[in-house]
Amino acid sequence: RNVPGWERGLRAACGIVLLVVAAALPM
C-alpha cells in the first residue's frame, strides 16, 4: 500500500461521483 487511509476514502468518493455523473449525464 502506498495510499493513506484519508486518500483512499477521497478516491472512493471521487470514483462514485464519476460513476453517478456517467449515469446521470447524456454522454
PDB file of all heavy atoms in Angstrom:
ATOM      1  N   ARG A   1       0.830  -1.206   0.000  1.00  0.00           N
ATOM      2  CA  ARG A   1       0.000   0.000   0.000  1.00  0.00           C
ATOM      3  C   ARG A   1       0.867   1.259   0.000  1.00  0.00           C
ATOM      4  O   ARG A   1       1.838   1.357   0.734  1.00  0.00           O
ATOM      5  CB  ARG A   1      -0.906   0.012   1.224  1.00  0.00           C
ATOM      6  CG  ARG A   1      -1.978  -1.020   1.129  1.00  0.00           C
ATOM      7  CD  ARG A   1      -2.938  -0.895   2.261  1.00  0.00           C
ATOM      8  NE  ARG A   1      -4.002  -1.873   2.064  1.00  0.00           N
ATOM      9  CZ  ARG A   1      -4.897  -2.166   2.953  1.00  0.00           C
ATOM     10  NH1 ARG A   1      -4.882  -1.567   4.123  1.00  0.00           N
ATOM     11  NH2 ARG A   1      -5.815  -3.048   2.701  1.00  0.00           N
ATOM     12  N   ASN A   2       0.485   2.191  -0.845  1.00  0.00           N
ATOM     13  CA  ASN A   2       1.191   3.466  -0.900  1.00  0.00           C
ATOM     14  C   ASN A   2       0.226   4.652  -0.856  1.00  0.00           C
ATOM     15  O   ASN A   2       0.589   5.763  -1.200  1.00  0.00           O
ATOM     16  CB  ASN A   2       2.095   3.537  -2.140  1.00  0.00           C
ATOM     17  CG  ASN A   2       1.326   3.457  -3.442  1.00  0.00           C
ATOM     18  OD1 ASN A   2       0.116   3.301  -3.452  1.00  0.00           O
ATOM     19  ND2 ASN A   2       2.033   3.558  -4.544  1.00  0.00           N
ATOM     20  N   VAL A   3      -1.015   4.389  -0.441  1.00  0.00           N
ATOM     21  CA  VAL A   3      -2.028   5.439  -0.353  1.00  0.00           C
ATOM     22  C   VAL A   3      -2.574   5.439   1.081  1.00  0.00           C
ATOM     23  O   VAL A   3      -3.051   4.412   1.555  1.00  0.00           O
ATOM     24  CB  VAL A   3      -3.177   5.192  -1.359  1.00  0.00           C
ATOM     25  CG1 VAL A   3      -4.236   6.253  -1.251  1.00  0.00           C
ATOM     26  CG2 VAL A   3      -2.632   5.136  -2.779  1.00  0.00           C
ATOM     27  N   PRO A   4      -2.499   6.580   1.778  1.00  0.00           N
ATOM     28  CA  PRO A   4      -3.016   6.636   3.154  1.00  0.00           C
ATOM     29  C   PRO A   4      -4.540   6.518   3.205  1.00  0.00           C
ATOM     30  O   PRO A   4      -5.229   6.683   2.198  1.00  0.00           O
ATOM     31  CB  PRO A   4      -2.550   8.004   3.662  1.00  0.00           C
ATOM     32  CG  PRO A   4      -2.266   8.809   2.451  1.00  0.00           C
ATOM     33  CD  PRO A   4      -1.906   7.850   1.364  1.00  0.00           C
ATOM     34  N   GLY A   5      -5.047   6.240   4.386  1.00  0.00           N
ATOM     35  CA  GLY A   5      -6.475   5.996   4.569  1.00  0.00           C
ATOM     36  C   GLY A   5      -7.361   7.145   4.137  1.00  0.00           C
ATOM     37  O   GLY A   5      -8.399   6.939   3.495  1.00  0.00           O
ATOM     38  N   TRP A   6      -6.986   8.369   4.484  1.00  0.00           N
ATOM     39  CA  TRP A   6      -7.829   9.511   4.116  1.00  0.00           C
ATOM     40  C   TRP A   6      -7.889   9.665   2.594  1.00  0.00           C
ATOM     41  O   TRP A   6      -8.925  10.020   2.042  1.00  0.00           O
ATOM     42  CB  TRP A   6      -7.323  10.804   4.767  1.00  0.00           C
ATOM     43  CG  TRP A   6      -5.983  11.257   4.279  1.00  0.00           C
ATOM     44  CD1 TRP A   6      -4.773  10.957   4.812  1.00  0.00           C
ATOM     45  CD2 TRP A   6      -5.720  12.082   3.136  1.00  0.00           C
ATOM     46  NE1 TRP A   6      -3.763  11.537   4.074  1.00  0.00           N
ATOM     47  CE2 TRP A   6      -4.326  12.248   3.047  1.00  0.00           C
ATOM     48  CE3 TRP A   6      -6.530  12.700   2.186  1.00  0.00           C
ATOM     49  CZ2 TRP A   6      -3.718  12.992   2.048  1.00  0.00           C
ATOM     50  CZ3 TRP A   6      -5.921  13.454   1.187  1.00  0.00           C
ATOM     51  CH2 TRP A   6      -4.529  13.595   1.136  1.00  0.00           C
ATOM     52  N   GLU A   7      -6.787   9.359   1.917  1.00  0.00           N
ATOM     53  CA  GLU A   7      -6.767   9.487   0.459  1.00  0.00           C
ATOM     54  C   GLU A   7      -7.554   8.348  -0.194  1.00  0.00           C
ATOM     55  O   GLU A   7      -8.189   8.538  -1.237  1.00  0.00           O
ATOM     56  CB  GLU A   7      -5.331   9.490  -0.055  1.00  0.00           C
ATOM     57  CG  GLU A   7      -5.236   9.843  -1.521  1.00  0.00           C
ATOM     58  CD  GLU A   7      -3.808   9.994  -1.995  1.00  0.00           C
ATOM     59  OE1 GLU A   7      -2.911  10.290  -1.180  1.00  0.00           O
ATOM     60  OE2 GLU A   7      -3.585   9.795  -3.199  1.00  0.00           O
ATOM     61  N   ARG A   8      -7.549   7.177   0.423  1.00  0.00           N
ATOM     62  CA  ARG A   8      -8.359   6.071  -0.089  1.00  0.00           C
ATOM     63  C   ARG A   8      -9.838   6.437  -0.046  1.00  0.00           C
ATOM     64  O   ARG A   8     -10.580   6.165  -0.987  1.00  0.00           O
ATOM     65  CB  ARG A   8      -8.103   4.813   0.732  1.00  0.00           C
ATOM     66  CG  ARG A   8      -6.730   4.229   0.507  1.00  0.00           C
ATOM     67  CD  ARG A   8      -6.490   3.044   1.391  1.00  0.00           C
ATOM     68  NE  ARG A   8      -7.283   1.932   0.918  1.00  0.00           N
ATOM     69  CZ  ARG A   8      -7.418   0.795   1.568  1.00  0.00           C
ATOM     70  NH1 ARG A   8      -6.829   0.623   2.730  1.00  0.00           N
ATOM     71  NH2 ARG A   8      -8.154  -0.165   1.072  1.00  0.00           N
ATOM     72  N   GLY A   9     -10.263   7.057   1.044  1.00  0.00           N
ATOM     73  CA  GLY A   9     -11.655   7.498   1.146  1.00  0.00           C
ATOM     74  C   GLY A   9     -12.001   8.543   0.113  1.00  0.00           C
ATOM     75  O   GLY A   9     -13.089   8.514  -0.484  1.00  0.00           O
ATOM     76  N   LEU A  10     -11.086   9.474  -0.100  1.00  0.00           N
ATOM     77  CA  LEU A  10     -11.308  10.519  -1.104  1.00  0.00           C
ATOM     78  C   LEU A  10     -11.365   9.925  -2.515  1.00  0.00           C
ATOM     79  O   LEU A  10     -12.206  10.315  -3.329  1.00  0.00           O
ATOM     80  CB  LEU A  10     -10.207  11.572  -1.007  1.00  0.00           C
ATOM     81  CG  LEU A  10     -10.370  12.824  -1.835  1.00  0.00           C
ATOM     82  CD1 LEU A  10     -11.635  13.580  -1.430  1.00  0.00           C
ATOM     83  CD2 LEU A  10      -9.155  13.723  -1.657  1.00  0.00           C
ATOM     84  N   ARG A  11     -10.492   8.971  -2.796  1.00  0.00           N
ATOM     85  CA  ARG A  11     -10.509   8.312  -4.106  1.00  0.00           C
ATOM     86  C   ARG A  11     -11.823   7.560  -4.320  1.00  0.00           C
ATOM     87  O   ARG A  11     -12.392   7.588  -5.408  1.00  0.00           O
ATOM     88  CB  ARG A  11      -9.348   7.329  -4.226  1.00  0.00           C
ATOM     89  CG  ARG A  11      -8.016   7.974  -4.454  1.00  0.00           C
ATOM     90  CD  ARG A  11      -6.907   6.920  -4.381  1.00  0.00           C
ATOM     91  NE  ARG A  11      -5.611   7.525  -4.575  1.00  0.00           N
ATOM     92  CZ  ARG A  11      -4.969   7.557  -5.735  1.00  0.00           C
ATOM     93  NH1 ARG A  11      -5.498   6.974  -6.787  1.00  0.00           N
ATOM     94  NH2 ARG A  11      -3.808   8.151  -5.848  1.00  0.00           N
ATOM     95  N   ALA A  12     -12.290   6.871  -3.283  1.00  0.00           N
ATOM     96  CA  ALA A  12     -13.550   6.129  -3.390  1.00  0.00           C
ATOM     97  C   ALA A  12     -14.712   7.088  -3.646  1.00  0.00           C
ATOM     98  O   ALA A  12     -15.573   6.824  -4.499  1.00  0.00           O
ATOM     99  CB  ALA A  12     -13.796   5.307  -2.132  1.00  0.00           C
ATOM    100  N   ALA A  13     -14.743   8.203  -2.922  1.00  0.00           N
ATOM    101  CA  ALA A  13     -15.819   9.178  -3.106  1.00  0.00           C
ATOM    102  C   ALA A  13     -15.787   9.766  -4.513  1.00  0.00           C
ATOM    103  O   ALA A  13     -16.835   9.890  -5.171  1.00  0.00           O
ATOM    104  CB  ALA A  13     -15.702  10.287  -2.059  1.00  0.00           C
ATOM    105  N   CYS A  14     -14.606  10.106  -5.017  1.00  0.00           N
ATOM    106  CA  CYS A  14     -14.496  10.661  -6.369  1.00  0.00           C
ATOM    107  C   CYS A  14     -14.885   9.622  -7.422  1.00  0.00           C
ATOM    108  O   CYS A  14     -15.510   9.963  -8.434  1.00  0.00           O
ATOM    109  CB  CYS A  14     -13.080  11.158  -6.619  1.00  0.00           C
ATOM    110  SG  CYS A  14     -12.660  12.644  -5.706  1.00  0.00           S
ATOM    111  N   GLY A  15     -14.528   8.365  -7.203  1.00  0.00           N
ATOM    112  CA  GLY A  15     -14.904   7.306  -8.132  1.00  0.00           C
ATOM    113  C   GLY A  15     -16.409   7.134  -8.209  1.00  0.00           C
ATOM    114  O   GLY A  15     -16.981   6.983  -9.287  1.00  0.00           O
ATOM    115  N   ILE A  16     -17.067   7.182  -7.039  1.00  0.00           N
ATOM    116  CA  ILE A  16     -18.529   7.064  -7.009  1.00  0.00           C
ATOM    117  C   ILE A  16     -19.173   8.248  -7.719  1.00  0.00           C
ATOM    118  O   ILE A  16     -20.125   8.090  -8.480  1.00  0.00           O
ATOM    119  CB  ILE A  16     -19.023   6.926  -5.562  1.00  0.00           C
ATOM    120  CG1 ILE A  16     -18.598   5.562  -5.004  1.00  0.00           C
ATOM    121  CG2 ILE A  16     -20.524   7.101  -5.465  1.00  0.00           C
ATOM    122  CD1 ILE A  16     -18.796   5.407  -3.517  1.00  0.00           C
ATOM    123  N   VAL A  17     -18.633   9.442  -7.490  1.00  0.00           N
ATOM    124  CA  VAL A  17     -19.171  10.640  -8.150  1.00  0.00           C
ATOM    125  C   VAL A  17     -19.043  10.505  -9.671  1.00  0.00           C
ATOM    126  O   VAL A  17     -19.974  10.826 -10.404  1.00  0.00           O
ATOM    127  CB  VAL A  17     -18.463  11.914  -7.639  1.00  0.00           C
ATOM    128  CG1 VAL A  17     -18.753  13.101  -8.530  1.00  0.00           C
ATOM    129  CG2 VAL A  17     -18.879  12.208  -6.213  1.00  0.00           C
ATOM    130  N   LEU A  18     -17.907  10.022 -10.145  1.00  0.00           N
ATOM    131  CA  LEU A  18     -17.743   9.859 -11.595  1.00  0.00           C
ATOM    132  C   LEU A  18     -18.729   8.850 -12.169  1.00  0.00           C
ATOM    133  O   LEU A  18     -19.276   9.052 -13.265  1.00  0.00           O
ATOM    134  CB  LEU A  18     -16.312   9.431 -11.920  1.00  0.00           C
ATOM    135  CG  LEU A  18     -15.265  10.531 -11.878  1.00  0.00           C
ATOM    136  CD1 LEU A  18     -13.872   9.947 -12.117  1.00  0.00           C
ATOM    137  CD2 LEU A  18     -15.559  11.604 -12.896  1.00  0.00           C
ATOM    138  N   LEU A  19     -18.977   7.768 -11.451  1.00  0.00           N
ATOM    139  CA  LEU A  19     -19.946   6.781 -11.948  1.00  0.00           C
ATOM    140  C   LEU A  19     -21.365   7.339 -11.951  1.00  0.00           C
ATOM    141  O   LEU A  19     -22.142   7.068 -12.878  1.00  0.00           O
ATOM    142  CB  LEU A  19     -19.873   5.507 -11.101  1.00  0.00           C
ATOM    143  CG  LEU A  19     -18.568   4.719 -11.221  1.00  0.00           C
ATOM    144  CD1 LEU A  19     -18.590   3.514 -10.300  1.00  0.00           C
ATOM    145  CD2 LEU A  19     -18.306   4.301 -12.651  1.00  0.00           C
ATOM    146  N   VAL A  20     -21.707   8.141 -10.947  1.00  0.00           N
ATOM    147  CA  VAL A  20     -23.031   8.775 -10.918  1.00  0.00           C
ATOM    148  C   VAL A  20     -23.155   9.782 -12.058  1.00  0.00           C
ATOM    149  O   VAL A  20     -24.196   9.854 -12.724  1.00  0.00           O
ATOM    150  CB  VAL A  20     -23.274   9.436  -9.546  1.00  0.00           C
ATOM    151  CG1 VAL A  20     -24.495  10.330  -9.576  1.00  0.00           C
ATOM    152  CG2 VAL A  20     -23.414   8.372  -8.466  1.00  0.00           C
ATOM    153  N   VAL A  21     -22.098  10.542 -12.311  1.00  0.00           N
ATOM    154  CA  VAL A  21     -22.117  11.513 -13.409  1.00  0.00           C
ATOM    155  C   VAL A  21     -22.296  10.784 -14.745  1.00  0.00           C
ATOM    156  O   VAL A  21     -23.060  11.231 -15.603  1.00  0.00           O
ATOM    157  CB  VAL A  21     -20.823  12.356 -13.411  1.00  0.00           C
ATOM    158  CG1 VAL A  21     -20.621  13.083 -14.725  1.00  0.00           C
ATOM    159  CG2 VAL A  21     -20.846  13.347 -12.261  1.00  0.00           C
ATOM    160  N   ALA A  22     -21.610   9.656 -14.910  1.00  0.00           N
ATOM    161  CA  ALA A  22     -21.739   8.895 -16.157  1.00  0.00           C
ATOM    162  C   ALA A  22     -23.165   8.391 -16.347  1.00  0.00           C
ATOM    163  O   ALA A  22     -23.655   8.318 -17.476  1.00  0.00           O
ATOM    164  CB  ALA A  22     -20.763   7.725 -16.164  1.00  0.00           C
ATOM    165  N   ALA A  23     -23.830   8.047 -15.247  1.00  0.00           N
ATOM    166  CA  ALA A  23     -25.200   7.549 -15.351  1.00  0.00           C
ATOM    167  C   ALA A  23     -26.206   8.688 -15.536  1.00  0.00           C
ATOM    168  O   ALA A  23     -27.240   8.498 -16.177  1.00  0.00           O
ATOM    169  CB  ALA A  23     -25.560   6.749 -14.099  1.00  0.00           C
ATOM    170  N   ALA A  24     -25.903   9.861 -14.991  1.00  0.00           N
ATOM    171  CA  ALA A  24     -26.874  10.952 -14.992  1.00  0.00           C
ATOM    172  C   ALA A  24     -26.807  11.830 -16.245  1.00  0.00           C
ATOM    173  O   ALA A  24     -27.844  12.318 -16.707  1.00  0.00           O
ATOM    174  CB  ALA A  24     -26.677  11.826 -13.753  1.00  0.00           C
ATOM    175  N   LEU A  25     -25.622  12.049 -16.771  1.00  0.00           N
ATOM    176  CA  LEU A  25     -25.489  12.941 -17.925  1.00  0.00           C
ATOM    177  C   LEU A  25     -25.656  12.171 -19.231  1.00  0.00           C
ATOM    178  O   LEU A  25     -25.229  11.020 -19.336  1.00  0.00           O
ATOM    179  CB  LEU A  25     -24.130  13.626 -17.909  1.00  0.00           C
ATOM    180  CG  LEU A  25     -23.899  14.631 -16.788  1.00  0.00           C
ATOM    181  CD1 LEU A  25     -22.515  15.243 -16.918  1.00  0.00           C
ATOM    182  CD2 LEU A  25     -24.943  15.723 -16.800  1.00  0.00           C
ATOM    183  N   PRO A  26     -26.246  12.810 -20.217  1.00  0.00           N
ATOM    184  CA  PRO A  26     -26.445  12.130 -21.504  1.00  0.00           C
ATOM    185  C   PRO A  26     -25.164  12.138 -22.348  1.00  0.00           C
ATOM    186  O   PRO A  26     -25.010  12.947 -23.257  1.00  0.00           O
ATOM    187  CB  PRO A  26     -27.552  12.948 -22.165  1.00  0.00           C
ATOM    188  CG  PRO A  26     -27.392  14.317 -21.587  1.00  0.00           C
ATOM    189  CD  PRO A  26     -26.885  14.116 -20.190  1.00  0.00           C
ATOM    190  N   MET A  27     -24.247  11.243 -22.013  1.00  0.00           N
ATOM    191  CA  MET A  27     -22.999  11.129 -22.774  1.00  0.00           C
ATOM    192  C   MET A  27     -23.045   9.858 -23.606  1.00  0.00           C
ATOM    193  O   MET A  27     -23.663   8.873 -23.218  1.00  0.00           O
ATOM    194  CB  MET A  27     -21.802  11.051 -21.830  1.00  0.00           C
ATOM    195  CG  MET A  27     -21.501  12.316 -21.088  1.00  0.00           C
ATOM    196  SD  MET A  27     -19.971  12.200 -20.176  1.00  0.00           S
ATOM    197  CE  MET A  27     -20.467  11.189 -18.807  1.00  0.00           C
TER     198      MET A  27
END
